[in-house]
């Protein structure tokens, strides 16, 4: 296991109920688009408080395709 996977497993041990589901890049266009929008010259975490307008249509498409169904 990678360090990231081990850290996730440790964090999830403290939770009573959780669901982990892999969604491929092809099925989740919103995350794919956000990753393309991220500047590569900045360090740290960027926090989006509202969805950029260009993502709203993509989000609707992902929702209707069932990408977020659990």
C-alpha atoms as a PDB file:
ATOM      1  CA  UNK A   1       0.000   0.000   0.000  1.00  0.00           C
ATOM      2  CA  UNK A   2       1.113   3.506  -0.683  1.00  0.00           C
ATOM      3  CA  UNK A   3       1.463   6.043   2.136  1.00  0.00           C
ATOM      4  CA  UNK A   4      -1.682   7.814   0.892  1.00  0.00           C
ATOM      5  CA  UNK A   5      -3.758   4.620   0.995  1.00  0.00           C
ATOM      6  CA  UNK A   6      -2.472   3.781   4.490  1.00  0.00           C
ATOM      7  CA  UNK A   7      -3.335   7.290   5.717  1.00  0.00           C
ATOM      8  CA  UNK A   8      -6.853   7.028   4.283  1.00  0.00           C
ATOM      9  CA  UNK A   9      -7.322   3.648   5.974  1.00  0.00           C
ATOM     10  CA  UNK A  10      -6.237   5.125   9.331  1.00  0.00           C
ATOM     11  CA  UNK A  11      -8.656   8.037   8.963  1.00  0.00           C
ATOM     12  CA  UNK A  12     -11.542   5.734   8.052  1.00  0.00           C
ATOM     13  CA  UNK A  13     -10.984   3.478  11.087  1.00  0.00           C
ATOM     14  CA  UNK A  14     -12.345   6.276  13.317  1.00  0.00           C
ATOM     15  CA  UNK A  15     -15.639   6.524  11.401  1.00  0.00           C
ATOM     16  CA  UNK A  16     -18.706   4.417  12.151  1.00  0.00           C
ATOM     17  CA  UNK A  17     -19.978   4.277   8.581  1.00  0.00           C
ATOM     18  CA  UNK A  18     -18.316   5.107   5.290  1.00  0.00           C
ATOM     19  CA  UNK A  19     -18.574   4.295   1.618  1.00  0.00           C
ATOM     20  CA  UNK A  20     -15.611   4.345  -0.708  1.00  0.00           C
ATOM     21  CA  UNK A  21     -16.317   4.322  -4.405  1.00  0.00           C
ATOM     22  CA  UNK A  22     -13.916   4.751  -7.322  1.00  0.00           C
ATOM     23  CA  UNK A  23     -15.188   6.996 -10.095  1.00  0.00           C
ATOM     24  CA  UNK A  24     -13.079   6.989 -13.230  1.00  0.00           C
ATOM     25  CA  UNK A  25     -11.898  10.218 -14.789  1.00  0.00           C
ATOM     26  CA  UNK A  26     -14.052   9.507 -17.821  1.00  0.00           C
ATOM     27  CA  UNK A  27     -17.159   9.295 -15.642  1.00  0.00           C
ATOM     28  CA  UNK A  28     -16.413  12.393 -13.544  1.00  0.00           C
ATOM     29  CA  UNK A  29     -15.937  15.295 -15.910  1.00  0.00           C
ATOM     30  CA  UNK A  30     -16.175  17.931 -13.149  1.00  0.00           C
ATOM     31  CA  UNK A  31     -13.069  16.742 -11.322  1.00  0.00           C
ATOM     32  CA  UNK A  32     -11.276  16.298 -14.620  1.00  0.00           C
ATOM     33  CA  UNK A  33     -12.074  19.901 -15.577  1.00  0.00           C
ATOM     34  CA  UNK A  34     -11.093  21.255 -12.130  1.00  0.00           C
ATOM     35  CA  UNK A  35      -7.740  19.474 -12.353  1.00  0.00           C
ATOM     36  CA  UNK A  36      -7.138  21.090 -15.740  1.00  0.00           C
ATOM     37  CA  UNK A  37      -8.005  24.533 -14.314  1.00  0.00           C
ATOM     38  CA  UNK A  38      -5.596  24.284 -11.358  1.00  0.00           C
ATOM     39  CA  UNK A  39      -2.495  26.453 -11.734  1.00  0.00           C
ATOM     40  CA  UNK A  40       0.676  24.375 -11.691  1.00  0.00           C
ATOM     41  CA  UNK A  41       2.921  27.116 -10.297  1.00  0.00           C
ATOM     42  CA  UNK A  42       1.149  27.460  -6.909  1.00  0.00           C
ATOM     43  CA  UNK A  43       1.694  25.334  -3.813  1.00  0.00           C
ATOM     44  CA  UNK A  44      -0.854  24.499  -1.164  1.00  0.00           C
ATOM     45  CA  UNK A  45      -4.587  23.991  -1.261  1.00  0.00           C
ATOM     46  CA  UNK A  46      -6.990  26.099  -3.254  1.00  0.00           C
ATOM     47  CA  UNK A  47     -10.497  26.270  -1.879  1.00  0.00           C
ATOM     48  CA  UNK A  48     -13.404  26.806  -4.277  1.00  0.00           C
ATOM     49  CA  UNK A  49     -16.333  28.374  -2.399  1.00  0.00           C
ATOM     50  CA  UNK A  50     -18.577  28.475  -5.461  1.00  0.00           C
ATOM     51  CA  UNK A  51     -18.508  26.471  -8.660  1.00  0.00           C
ATOM     52  CA  UNK A  52     -17.083  28.334 -11.645  1.00  0.00           C
ATOM     53  CA  UNK A  53     -19.827  28.936 -14.196  1.00  0.00           C
ATOM     54  CA  UNK A  54     -18.180  26.733 -16.822  1.00  0.00           C
ATOM     55  CA  UNK A  55     -18.488  23.759 -14.459  1.00  0.00           C
ATOM     56  CA  UNK A  56     -22.238  24.012 -13.858  1.00  0.00           C
ATOM     57  CA  UNK A  57     -23.153  22.401 -17.188  1.00  0.00           C
ATOM     58  CA  UNK A  58     -20.534  19.666 -16.721  1.00  0.00           C
ATOM     59  CA  UNK A  59     -21.836  19.016 -13.191  1.00  0.00           C
ATOM     60  CA  UNK A  60     -25.384  18.623 -14.495  1.00  0.00           C
ATOM     61  CA  UNK A  61     -24.109  16.138 -17.070  1.00  0.00           C
ATOM     62  CA  UNK A  62     -22.227  14.115 -14.438  1.00  0.00           C
ATOM     63  CA  UNK A  63     -25.274  14.068 -12.155  1.00  0.00           C
ATOM     64  CA  UNK A  64     -27.594  12.897 -14.925  1.00  0.00           C
ATOM     65  CA  UNK A  65     -25.170  10.136 -15.962  1.00  0.00           C
ATOM     66  CA  UNK A  66     -25.223   8.708 -12.443  1.00  0.00           C
ATOM     67  CA  UNK A  67     -21.586   9.480 -11.631  1.00  0.00           C
ATOM     68  CA  UNK A  68     -22.523  10.398  -8.055  1.00  0.00           C
ATOM     69  CA  UNK A  69     -24.961   7.563  -7.316  1.00  0.00           C
ATOM     70  CA  UNK A  70     -23.924   5.473  -4.307  1.00  0.00           C
END
